[in-house]
Amino acid sequence: VEGKDVPAKATFHFPGGLRDFLEGRIEGEQRITDEIFSGRAGKPGSHGAVEWAIAWTVGDGFLNSYCNTIPTGEGGTHEQGLRTALLRGLKGYAELTGNKRASVLTAEDVLTSCSAMLSVFVREPEFVGQTKDRLSSPEATRIVDTAIRDAFDHWLAASPNQAGKLLDWAVDRAEERLRRRKEKEIERQ
């Protein structure tokens, strides 16, 4: 482009991996939790490696997922593992703290306003269709759920203040969802 100062080449480098990338992407947004929940499990290049970074923000969130560095825009089994791990972890924390209101939580309540990056490495991944937009490898669910669930349990226990904020936020979303459903049922009658 003439007249513009556009470099011929650009390099993206995030020494902290997905955590640093997510931090830059949500910079300036108000967060529910101050800390980003992130981590890695498995060895890069091996079967079953996972890396993730998750932040809960006020407003619309997003979930960008990858399998063997291939973007999976339509999600798949690895995203299901993430949903399962976060829901079970938060419900487990609620049970430990005696929060009975959390019994109505769904994965969507936990993922509302969630900005997340998820990358999984599996041998011989299976995709739906030619474009590889959706991962269908069944072991990806287990790999991601196992890796994230344990780390999430530790993260919640280590930061009771942050965990409490997140739990309250998710329960508020669940109660709002149930209230809207009840209003629709009343309107139909």
C-alpha atoms as a PDB file:
ATOM      1  CA  VAL A   1       0.000   0.000   0.000  1.00  0.00           C
ATOM      2  CA  GLU A   2       1.638   3.170  -1.164  1.00  0.00           C
ATOM      3  CA  GLY A   3       1.759   6.161   1.115  1.00  0.00           C
ATOM      4  CA  LYS A   4       1.131   4.032   4.187  1.00  0.00           C
ATOM      5  CA  ASP A   5       3.643   2.838   6.703  1.00  0.00           C
ATOM      6  CA  VAL A   6       2.737  -0.865   6.480  1.00  0.00           C
ATOM      7  CA  PRO A   7       5.496  -3.337   7.315  1.00  0.00           C
ATOM      8  CA  ALA A   8       6.175  -6.090   4.800  1.00  0.00           C
ATOM      9  CA  LYS A   9       6.307  -8.593   7.622  1.00  0.00           C
ATOM     10  CA  ALA A  10       4.867  -8.778  11.143  1.00  0.00           C
ATOM     11  CA  THR A  11       5.784 -11.167  13.927  1.00  0.00           C
ATOM     12  CA  PHE A  12       3.445 -12.098  16.735  1.00  0.00           C
ATOM     13  CA  HIS A  13       5.222 -13.285  19.824  1.00  0.00           C
ATOM     14  CA  PHE A  14       3.588 -14.049  23.146  1.00  0.00           C
ATOM     15  CA  PRO A  15       6.148 -15.474  25.601  1.00  0.00           C
ATOM     16  CA  GLY A  16       3.359 -16.440  28.035  1.00  0.00           C
ATOM     17  CA  GLY A  17       1.436 -18.264  25.291  1.00  0.00           C
ATOM     18  CA  LEU A  18      -2.340 -18.005  25.162  1.00  0.00           C
ATOM     19  CA  ARG A  19      -2.424 -16.116  28.477  1.00  0.00           C
ATOM     20  CA  ASP A  20      -0.446 -13.197  27.039  1.00  0.00           C
ATOM     21  CA  PHE A  21      -2.446 -13.301  23.803  1.00  0.00           C
ATOM     22  CA  LEU A  22      -5.757 -13.198  25.711  1.00  0.00           C
ATOM     23  CA  GLU A  23      -4.476 -10.451  28.006  1.00  0.00           C
ATOM     24  CA  GLY A  24      -3.781  -8.275  24.975  1.00  0.00           C
ATOM     25  CA  ARG A  25      -7.091  -9.101  23.345  1.00  0.00           C
ATOM     26  CA  ILE A  26      -9.251  -8.134  26.349  1.00  0.00           C
ATOM     27  CA  GLU A  27      -7.140  -5.175  27.452  1.00  0.00           C
ATOM     28  CA  GLY A  28      -9.313  -2.398  28.841  1.00  0.00           C
ATOM     29  CA  GLU A  29     -12.390  -4.587  29.400  1.00  0.00           C
ATOM     30  CA  GLN A  30     -13.936  -4.775  32.866  1.00  0.00           C
ATOM     31  CA  ARG A  31     -13.418  -8.226  34.373  1.00  0.00           C
ATOM     32  CA  ILE A  32     -15.509 -10.326  36.724  1.00  0.00           C
ATOM     33  CA  THR A  33     -12.341 -11.953  38.050  1.00  0.00           C
ATOM     34  CA  ASP A  34      -9.059 -10.055  38.170  1.00  0.00           C
ATOM     35  CA  GLU A  35      -6.941 -13.063  37.261  1.00  0.00           C
ATOM     36  CA  ILE A  36      -6.870 -14.976  34.007  1.00  0.00           C
ATOM     37  CA  PHE A  37      -7.280 -18.716  34.538  1.00  0.00           C
ATOM     38  CA  SER A  38      -4.658 -20.294  32.326  1.00  0.00           C
ATOM     39  CA  GLY A  39      -2.378 -23.260  32.095  1.00  0.00           C
ATOM     40  CA  ARG A  40      -0.843 -26.079  30.139  1.00  0.00           C
ATOM     41  CA  ALA A  41      -0.981 -29.820  30.525  1.00  0.00           C
ATOM     42  CA  GLY A  42       0.973 -32.427  28.617  1.00  0.00           C
ATOM     43  CA  LYS A  43       4.047 -31.832  26.538  1.00  0.00           C
ATOM     44  CA  PRO A  44       3.753 -29.786  23.339  1.00  0.00           C
ATOM     45  CA  GLY A  45       3.988 -32.097  20.362  1.00  0.00           C
ATOM     46  CA  SER A  46       2.826 -35.092  22.381  1.00  0.00           C
ATOM     47  CA  HIS A  47      -0.545 -36.814  22.329  1.00  0.00           C
ATOM     48  CA  GLY A  48      -2.957 -35.048  24.631  1.00  0.00           C
ATOM     49  CA  ALA A  49      -1.363 -31.640  25.217  1.00  0.00           C
ATOM     50  CA  VAL A  50      -3.693 -28.762  26.151  1.00  0.00           C
ATOM     51  CA  GLU A  51      -3.196 -25.023  26.656  1.00  0.00           C
ATOM     52  CA  TRP A  52      -5.908 -22.624  27.779  1.00  0.00           C
ATOM     53  CA  ALA A  53      -6.531 -19.064  28.926  1.00  0.00           C
ATOM     54  CA  ILE A  54      -9.900 -17.917  30.243  1.00  0.00           C
ATOM     55  CA  ALA A  55     -11.125 -14.584  31.592  1.00  0.00           C
ATOM     56  CA  TRP A  56     -14.629 -13.600  32.617  1.00  0.00           C
ATOM     57  CA  THR A  57     -15.473 -10.098  31.474  1.00  0.00           C
ATOM     58  CA  VAL A  58     -18.493  -7.820  31.537  1.00  0.00           C
ATOM     59  CA  GLY A  59     -20.009  -7.892  28.066  1.00  0.00           C
ATOM     60  CA  ASP A  60     -19.809 -10.297  25.186  1.00  0.00           C
ATOM     61  CA  GLY A  61     -17.228 -13.010  25.339  1.00  0.00           C
ATOM     62  CA  PHE A  62     -15.735 -15.350  22.780  1.00  0.00           C
ATOM     63  CA  LEU A  63     -14.220 -18.803  22.563  1.00  0.00           C
ATOM     64  CA  ASN A  64     -11.419 -19.378  20.080  1.00  0.00           C
ATOM     65  CA  SER A  65     -10.348 -22.991  19.848  1.00  0.00           C
ATOM     66  CA  TYR A  66      -7.673 -24.858  17.945  1.00  0.00           C
ATOM     67  CA  CYS A  67      -6.675 -28.449  17.332  1.00  0.00           C
ATOM     68  CA  ASN A  68      -3.058 -29.033  16.327  1.00  0.00           C
ATOM     69  CA  THR A  69      -2.907 -25.261  15.543  1.00  0.00           C
ATOM     70  CA  ILE A  70      -5.882 -25.536  13.150  1.00  0.00           C
ATOM     71  CA  PRO A  71      -8.654 -23.033  14.035  1.00  0.00           C
ATOM     72  CA  THR A  72     -11.909 -24.839  14.859  1.00  0.00           C
ATOM     73  CA  GLY A  73     -14.446 -22.074  14.325  1.00  0.00           C
ATOM     74  CA  GLU A  74     -17.412 -24.369  14.922  1.00  0.00           C
ATOM     75  CA  GLY A  75     -15.911 -25.851  18.087  1.00  0.00           C
ATOM     76  CA  GLY A  76     -16.204 -29.522  18.760  1.00  0.00           C
ATOM     77  CA  THR A  77     -15.320 -32.133  21.311  1.00  0.00           C
ATOM     78  CA  HIS A  78     -12.451 -30.142  22.859  1.00  0.00           C
ATOM     79  CA  GLU A  79     -14.833 -27.247  23.600  1.00  0.00           C
ATOM     80  CA  GLN A  80     -17.261 -29.723  25.167  1.00  0.00           C
ATOM     81  CA  GLY A  81     -14.462 -30.822  27.488  1.00  0.00           C
ATOM     82  CA  LEU A  82     -13.901 -27.189  28.476  1.00  0.00           C
ATOM     83  CA  ARG A  83     -17.609 -26.631  29.180  1.00  0.00           C
ATOM     84  CA  THR A  84     -17.821 -29.792  31.264  1.00  0.00           C
ATOM     85  CA  ALA A  85     -14.699 -28.972  33.289  1.00  0.00           C
ATOM     86  CA  LEU A  86     -15.770 -25.409  34.083  1.00  0.00           C
ATOM     87  CA  LEU A  87     -19.339 -26.352  35.013  1.00  0.00           C
ATOM     88  CA  ARG A  88     -18.329 -29.293  37.211  1.00  0.00           C
ATOM     89  CA  GLY A  89     -15.560 -27.281  38.829  1.00  0.00           C
ATOM     90  CA  LEU A  90     -17.776 -24.323  39.692  1.00  0.00           C
ATOM     91  CA  LYS A  91     -20.617 -26.552  40.921  1.00  0.00           C
ATOM     92  CA  GLY A  92     -18.108 -28.501  43.020  1.00  0.00           C
ATOM     93  CA  TYR A  93     -16.784 -25.275  44.519  1.00  0.00           C
ATOM     94  CA  ALA A  94     -20.349 -24.143  45.255  1.00  0.00           C
ATOM     95  CA  GLU A  95     -21.028 -27.427  47.031  1.00  0.00           C
ATOM     96  CA  LEU A  96     -17.876 -27.019  49.154  1.00  0.00           C
ATOM     97  CA  THR A  97     -18.886 -23.499  50.155  1.00  0.00           C
ATOM     98  CA  GLY A  98     -22.512 -24.424  50.787  1.00  0.00           C
ATOM     99  CA  ASN A  99     -23.953 -22.308  47.982  1.00  0.00           C
ATOM    100  CA  LYS A 100     -27.229 -24.084  47.196  1.00  0.00           C
ATOM    101  CA  ARG A 101     -28.241 -21.463  44.595  1.00  0.00           C
ATOM    102  CA  ALA A 102     -25.623 -22.904  42.215  1.00  0.00           C
ATOM    103  CA  SER A 103     -27.607 -26.097  41.650  1.00  0.00           C
ATOM    104  CA  VAL A 104     -29.370 -24.441  38.673  1.00  0.00           C
ATOM    105  CA  LEU A 105     -26.130 -23.616  36.821  1.00  0.00           C
ATOM    106  CA  THR A 106     -25.623 -24.756  33.245  1.00  0.00           C
ATOM    107  CA  ALA A 107     -22.467 -24.596  31.157  1.00  0.00           C
ATOM    108  CA  GLU A 108     -23.850 -21.559  29.322  1.00  0.00           C
ATOM    109  CA  ASP A 109     -24.292 -19.691  32.608  1.00  0.00           C
ATOM    110  CA  VAL A 110     -20.629 -20.286  33.395  1.00  0.00           C
ATOM    111  CA  LEU A 111     -19.488 -19.379  29.878  1.00  0.00           C
ATOM    112  CA  THR A 112     -21.560 -16.196  29.627  1.00  0.00           C
ATOM    113  CA  SER A 113     -19.097 -13.320  29.274  1.00  0.00           C
ATOM    114  CA  CYS A 114     -16.241 -15.801  29.115  1.00  0.00           C
ATOM    115  CA  SER A 115     -13.360 -14.838  26.843  1.00  0.00           C
ATOM    116  CA  ALA A 116     -11.379 -17.983  26.209  1.00  0.00           C
ATOM    117  CA  MET A 117      -8.614 -19.459  24.106  1.00  0.00           C
ATOM    118  CA  LEU A 118      -8.231 -23.242  23.935  1.00  0.00           C
ATOM    119  CA  SER A 119      -5.616 -25.236  22.067  1.00  0.00           C
ATOM    120  CA  VAL A 120      -5.432 -29.027  22.073  1.00  0.00           C
ATOM    121  CA  PHE A 121      -2.945 -31.381  20.439  1.00  0.00           C
ATOM    122  CA  VAL A 122      -4.103 -34.896  19.596  1.00  0.00           C
ATOM    123  CA  ARG A 123      -2.715 -37.556  17.291  1.00  0.00           C
ATOM    124  CA  GLU A 124      -4.758 -38.221  14.194  1.00  0.00           C
ATOM    125  CA  PRO A 125      -7.574 -35.790  14.941  1.00  0.00           C
ATOM    126  CA  GLU A 126     -10.982 -36.368  13.404  1.00  0.00           C
ATOM    127  CA  PHE A 127     -12.901 -33.418  11.977  1.00  0.00           C
ATOM    128  CA  VAL A 128     -16.387 -32.937  10.604  1.00  0.00           C
ATOM    129  CA  GLY A 129     -16.160 -32.012   6.907  1.00  0.00           C
ATOM    130  CA  GLN A 130     -13.336 -30.944   4.644  1.00  0.00           C
ATOM    131  CA  THR A 131     -12.822 -27.498   6.168  1.00  0.00           C
ATOM    132  CA  LYS A 132     -11.855 -28.872   9.606  1.00  0.00           C
ATOM    133  CA  ASP A 133     -14.048 -26.292  11.358  1.00  0.00           C
ATOM    134  CA  ARG A 134     -15.355 -28.775  13.942  1.00  0.00           C
ATOM    135  CA  LEU A 135     -13.310 -31.312  15.911  1.00  0.00           C
ATOM    136  CA  SER A 136     -15.016 -34.671  16.441  1.00  0.00           C
ATOM    137  CA  SER A 137     -12.250 -36.690  18.155  1.00  0.00           C
ATOM    138  CA  PRO A 138     -13.886 -38.247  21.245  1.00  0.00           C
ATOM    139  CA  GLU A 139     -10.637 -38.375  23.236  1.00  0.00           C
ATOM    140  CA  ALA A 140     -10.321 -34.573  23.013  1.00  0.00           C
ATOM    141  CA  THR A 141     -13.261 -34.180  25.409  1.00  0.00           C
ATOM    142  CA  ARG A 142     -11.579 -36.370  28.029  1.00  0.00           C
ATOM    143  CA  ILE A 143      -8.126 -34.830  27.551  1.00  0.00           C
ATOM    144  CA  VAL A 144      -9.391 -31.260  27.954  1.00  0.00           C
ATOM    145  CA  ASP A 145     -11.842 -32.060  30.776  1.00  0.00           C
ATOM    146  CA  THR A 146      -9.193 -33.905  32.797  1.00  0.00           C
ATOM    147  CA  ALA A 147      -6.498 -31.257  32.322  1.00  0.00           C
ATOM    148  CA  ILE A 148      -8.671 -28.224  32.992  1.00  0.00           C
ATOM    149  CA  ARG A 149     -10.873 -29.639  35.751  1.00  0.00           C
ATOM    150  CA  ASP A 150      -8.002 -30.316  38.142  1.00  0.00           C
ATOM    151  CA  ALA A 151      -6.343 -26.975  37.434  1.00  0.00           C
ATOM    152  CA  PHE A 152      -9.672 -25.126  37.774  1.00  0.00           C
ATOM    153  CA  ASP A 153     -10.361 -26.774  41.140  1.00  0.00           C
ATOM    154  CA  HIS A 154      -6.951 -25.601  42.378  1.00  0.00           C
ATOM    155  CA  TRP A 155      -7.452 -22.103  40.933  1.00  0.00           C
ATOM    156  CA  LEU A 156     -10.828 -21.717  42.665  1.00  0.00           C
ATOM    157  CA  ALA A 157      -9.495 -23.014  46.006  1.00  0.00           C
ATOM    158  CA  ALA A 158      -6.414 -20.768  45.852  1.00  0.00           C
ATOM    159  CA  SER A 159      -8.455 -17.601  45.231  1.00  0.00           C
ATOM    160  CA  PRO A 160     -11.658 -17.759  47.298  1.00  0.00           C
ATOM    161  CA  ASN A 161     -12.383 -14.073  46.665  1.00  0.00           C
ATOM    162  CA  GLN A 162     -12.129 -14.500  42.876  1.00  0.00           C
ATOM    163  CA  ALA A 163     -14.014 -17.800  43.018  1.00  0.00           C
ATOM    164  CA  GLY A 164     -16.817 -16.151  44.993  1.00  0.00           C
ATOM    165  CA  LYS A 165     -17.129 -13.344  42.451  1.00  0.00           C
ATOM    166  CA  LEU A 166     -17.261 -15.823  39.583  1.00  0.00           C
ATOM    167  CA  LEU A 167     -19.781 -18.049  41.342  1.00  0.00           C
ATOM    168  CA  ASP A 168     -22.051 -15.108  42.185  1.00  0.00           C
ATOM    169  CA  TRP A 169     -21.839 -13.855  38.592  1.00  0.00           C
ATOM    170  CA  ALA A 170     -22.718 -17.265  37.140  1.00  0.00           C
ATOM    171  CA  VAL A 171     -25.590 -17.785  39.589  1.00  0.00           C
ATOM    172  CA  ASP A 172     -26.973 -14.334  38.705  1.00  0.00           C
ATOM    173  CA  ARG A 173     -26.868 -15.316  35.005  1.00  0.00           C
ATOM    174  CA  ALA A 174     -28.672 -18.583  35.786  1.00  0.00           C
ATOM    175  CA  GLU A 175     -31.372 -16.854  37.818  1.00  0.00           C
ATOM    176  CA  GLU A 176     -31.853 -14.289  35.055  1.00  0.00           C
ATOM    177  CA  ARG A 177     -32.195 -17.098  32.486  1.00  0.00           C
ATOM    178  CA  LEU A 178     -34.790 -18.867  34.642  1.00  0.00           C
ATOM    179  CA  ARG A 179     -36.705 -15.613  35.214  1.00  0.00           C
ATOM    180  CA  ARG A 180     -36.888 -14.956  31.454  1.00  0.00           C
ATOM    181  CA  ARG A 181     -38.081 -18.511  30.830  1.00  0.00           C
ATOM    182  CA  LYS A 182     -40.815 -18.116  33.451  1.00  0.00           C
ATOM    183  CA  GLU A 183     -41.930 -14.797  31.917  1.00  0.00           C
ATOM    184  CA  LYS A 184     -42.242 -16.468  28.495  1.00  0.00           C
ATOM    185  CA  GLU A 185     -44.312 -19.284  29.981  1.00  0.00           C
ATOM    186  CA  ILE A 186     -46.648 -16.751  31.615  1.00  0.00           C
ATOM    187  CA  GLU A 187     -47.008 -14.869  28.310  1.00  0.00           C
ATOM    188  CA  ARG A 188     -48.013 -18.071  26.514  1.00  0.00           C
ATOM    189  CA  GLN A 189     -50.824 -18.781  28.965  1.00  0.00           C
END
